[in-house]
Amino acid sequence: WLFIVIMIHSREIELDETFFALSDPTRRAILERLTAGQATVSELSEPFDISAPAISKHLRVLAKSGLLEQTKEGRHRICRLRAQPLQEVNEYVVRYRKFWDKQLDQLTDYLESLENSAPQQSFKQEPSS
């Protein structure tokens, strides 16, 4: 069972790293750009008014989380999106979505039961003069 505990802890760390990588708007914008296809580091840095070292730091965070793969082609570093960590985030979020869906369904049932058990009031409209 120690192996299972280690695997669960490892997946939690990976999930933490993915959420950390997604927590920054610059990194999310980089990932959004990569959904259109691979790009060089200089192409990825174009829309941002930040230094090359800052872009490199963002790319390192994305790579550490597993969201980014970099290869070297000649003098260029090519970046590609790796979607597997996003699938793991989706699986995590879906569990909570199911929980909230159930909670909202129960709230709807409760409100409908209140509505059905409330005495019906009849309002007569006064004739207009």
Protein backbone atom coordinates (compact mmCIF):
# COMPACT_ATOMS: atom_id res chain seq x y z
CA TRP A 1 0.00 0.00 0.00
CA LEU A 2 3.03 2.28 0.38
CA PHE A 3 3.30 2.33 -3.42
CA ILE A 4 -0.30 3.55 -3.67
CA VAL A 5 0.34 6.32 -1.11
CA ILE A 6 3.43 7.44 -3.04
CA MET A 7 1.50 7.44 -6.33
CA ILE A 8 -1.36 9.49 -4.83
CA HIS A 9 1.09 11.98 -3.34
CA SER A 10 2.92 12.23 -6.66
CA ARG A 11 -0.34 12.95 -8.54
CA GLU A 12 -1.24 15.61 -5.95
CA ILE A 13 2.11 17.34 -6.50
CA GLU A 14 1.61 17.23 -10.28
CA LEU A 15 -1.87 18.70 -9.89
CA ASP A 16 -0.50 21.46 -7.62
CA GLU A 17 2.14 22.31 -10.22
CA THR A 18 -0.47 22.44 -12.97
CA PHE A 19 -2.76 24.73 -10.98
CA PHE A 20 0.22 26.94 -10.12
CA ALA A 21 1.17 27.15 -13.79
CA LEU A 22 -2.42 28.06 -14.71
CA SER A 23 -2.65 30.70 -11.97
CA ASP A 24 -0.77 33.33 -13.99
CA PRO A 25 -2.47 35.22 -16.86
CA THR A 26 0.74 35.38 -18.91
CA ARG A 27 1.19 31.62 -18.72
CA ARG A 28 -2.47 31.07 -19.62
CA ALA A 29 -2.03 33.36 -22.64
CA ILE A 30 1.05 31.39 -23.71
CA LEU A 31 -0.93 28.15 -23.48
CA GLU A 32 -3.79 29.70 -25.42
CA ARG A 33 -1.36 30.65 -28.18
CA LEU A 34 0.02 27.11 -28.24
CA THR A 35 -3.44 25.67 -28.88
CA ALA A 36 -2.99 27.03 -32.42
CA GLY A 37 0.22 25.04 -32.85
CA GLN A 38 3.88 25.06 -31.94
CA ALA A 39 5.80 28.34 -31.66
CA THR A 40 9.31 29.58 -31.04
CA VAL A 41 10.14 31.32 -27.78
CA SER A 42 10.46 34.63 -29.62
CA GLU A 43 7.00 34.15 -31.21
CA LEU A 44 5.53 33.43 -27.79
CA SER A 45 7.14 36.51 -26.24
CA GLU A 46 5.97 38.97 -28.94
CA PRO A 47 2.63 39.99 -27.42
CA PHE A 48 4.09 40.62 -23.95
CA ASP A 49 5.87 43.70 -22.68
CA ILE A 50 8.17 41.74 -20.37
CA SER A 51 11.84 40.80 -20.49
CA ALA A 52 13.26 37.69 -22.13
CA PRO A 53 14.31 36.30 -18.70
CA ALA A 54 10.73 36.74 -17.46
CA ILE A 55 9.36 34.83 -20.47
CA SER A 56 11.95 32.11 -19.88
CA LYS A 57 10.84 31.83 -16.27
CA HIS A 58 7.20 31.44 -17.36
CA LEU A 59 8.23 28.75 -19.85
CA ARG A 60 10.19 26.90 -17.14
CA VAL A 61 7.11 26.88 -14.88
CA LEU A 62 4.98 25.55 -17.75
CA ALA A 63 7.58 22.90 -18.58
CA LYS A 64 7.88 21.82 -14.93
CA SER A 65 4.11 21.37 -14.77
CA GLY A 66 4.22 19.19 -17.88
CA LEU A 67 2.08 21.62 -19.91
CA LEU A 68 4.91 22.60 -22.24
CA GLU A 69 7.44 20.62 -24.23
CA GLN A 70 10.51 22.36 -25.66
CA THR A 71 12.85 21.11 -28.35
CA LYS A 72 15.81 22.79 -29.96
CA GLU A 73 15.85 23.13 -33.74
CA GLY A 74 18.97 24.90 -34.87
CA ARG A 75 19.13 28.19 -33.00
CA HIS A 76 15.45 28.16 -32.06
CA ARG A 77 13.64 26.64 -29.12
CA ILE A 78 10.29 25.27 -30.28
CA CYS A 79 7.47 25.03 -27.75
CA ARG A 80 4.50 22.68 -27.94
CA LEU A 81 1.45 22.30 -25.73
CA ARG A 82 1.15 19.06 -23.78
CA ALA A 83 -2.50 18.62 -22.87
CA GLN A 84 -2.32 15.64 -20.48
CA PRO A 85 -2.03 17.77 -17.31
CA LEU A 86 -5.13 19.69 -18.42
CA GLN A 87 -7.02 16.39 -18.65
CA GLU A 88 -6.03 15.66 -15.05
CA VAL A 89 -7.28 19.11 -13.99
CA ASN A 90 -10.53 18.43 -15.84
CA GLU A 91 -10.98 15.11 -14.02
CA TYR A 92 -10.39 16.88 -10.70
CA VAL A 93 -12.91 19.63 -11.49
CA VAL A 94 -15.53 17.16 -12.78
CA ARG A 95 -15.61 15.46 -9.37
CA TYR A 96 -16.58 18.75 -7.76
CA ARG A 97 -18.99 19.62 -10.54
CA LYS A 98 -20.88 16.42 -9.79
CA PHE A 99 -20.99 17.42 -6.12
CA TRP A 100 -22.34 20.89 -6.91
CA ASP A 101 -24.83 19.55 -9.44
CA LYS A 102 -26.20 17.26 -6.73
CA GLN A 103 -26.35 20.13 -4.23
CA LEU A 104 -28.20 22.35 -6.71
CA ASP A 105 -30.61 19.55 -7.59
CA GLN A 106 -31.40 19.11 -3.90
CA LEU A 107 -31.92 22.86 -3.52
CA THR A 108 -34.27 22.86 -6.51
CA ASP A 109 -36.25 19.96 -5.02
CA TYR A 110 -36.49 21.76 -1.69
CA LEU A 111 -37.63 25.03 -3.25
CA GLU A 112 -40.22 23.21 -5.37
CA SER A 113 -41.53 21.43 -2.28
CA LEU A 114 -41.90 24.78 -0.51
CA GLU A 115 -43.67 26.20 -3.52
CA ASN A 116 -46.06 23.23 -3.71
CA SER A 117 -46.86 23.28 0.01
CA ALA A 118 -47.42 27.05 0.26
CA PRO A 119 -51.04 28.13 0.35
CA GLN A 120 -52.17 29.46 -2.99
CA GLN A 121 -53.16 33.09 -2.85
CA SER A 122 -55.67 34.45 -5.26
CA PHE A 123 -55.37 38.06 -6.26
CA LYS A 124 -58.40 39.80 -7.65
CA GLN A 125 -57.67 42.56 -10.03
CA GLU A 126 -59.54 45.75 -9.28
CA PRO A 127 -61.45 47.07 -12.26
CA SER A 128 -59.78 50.14 -13.63
CA SER A 129 -61.82 53.30 -13.71
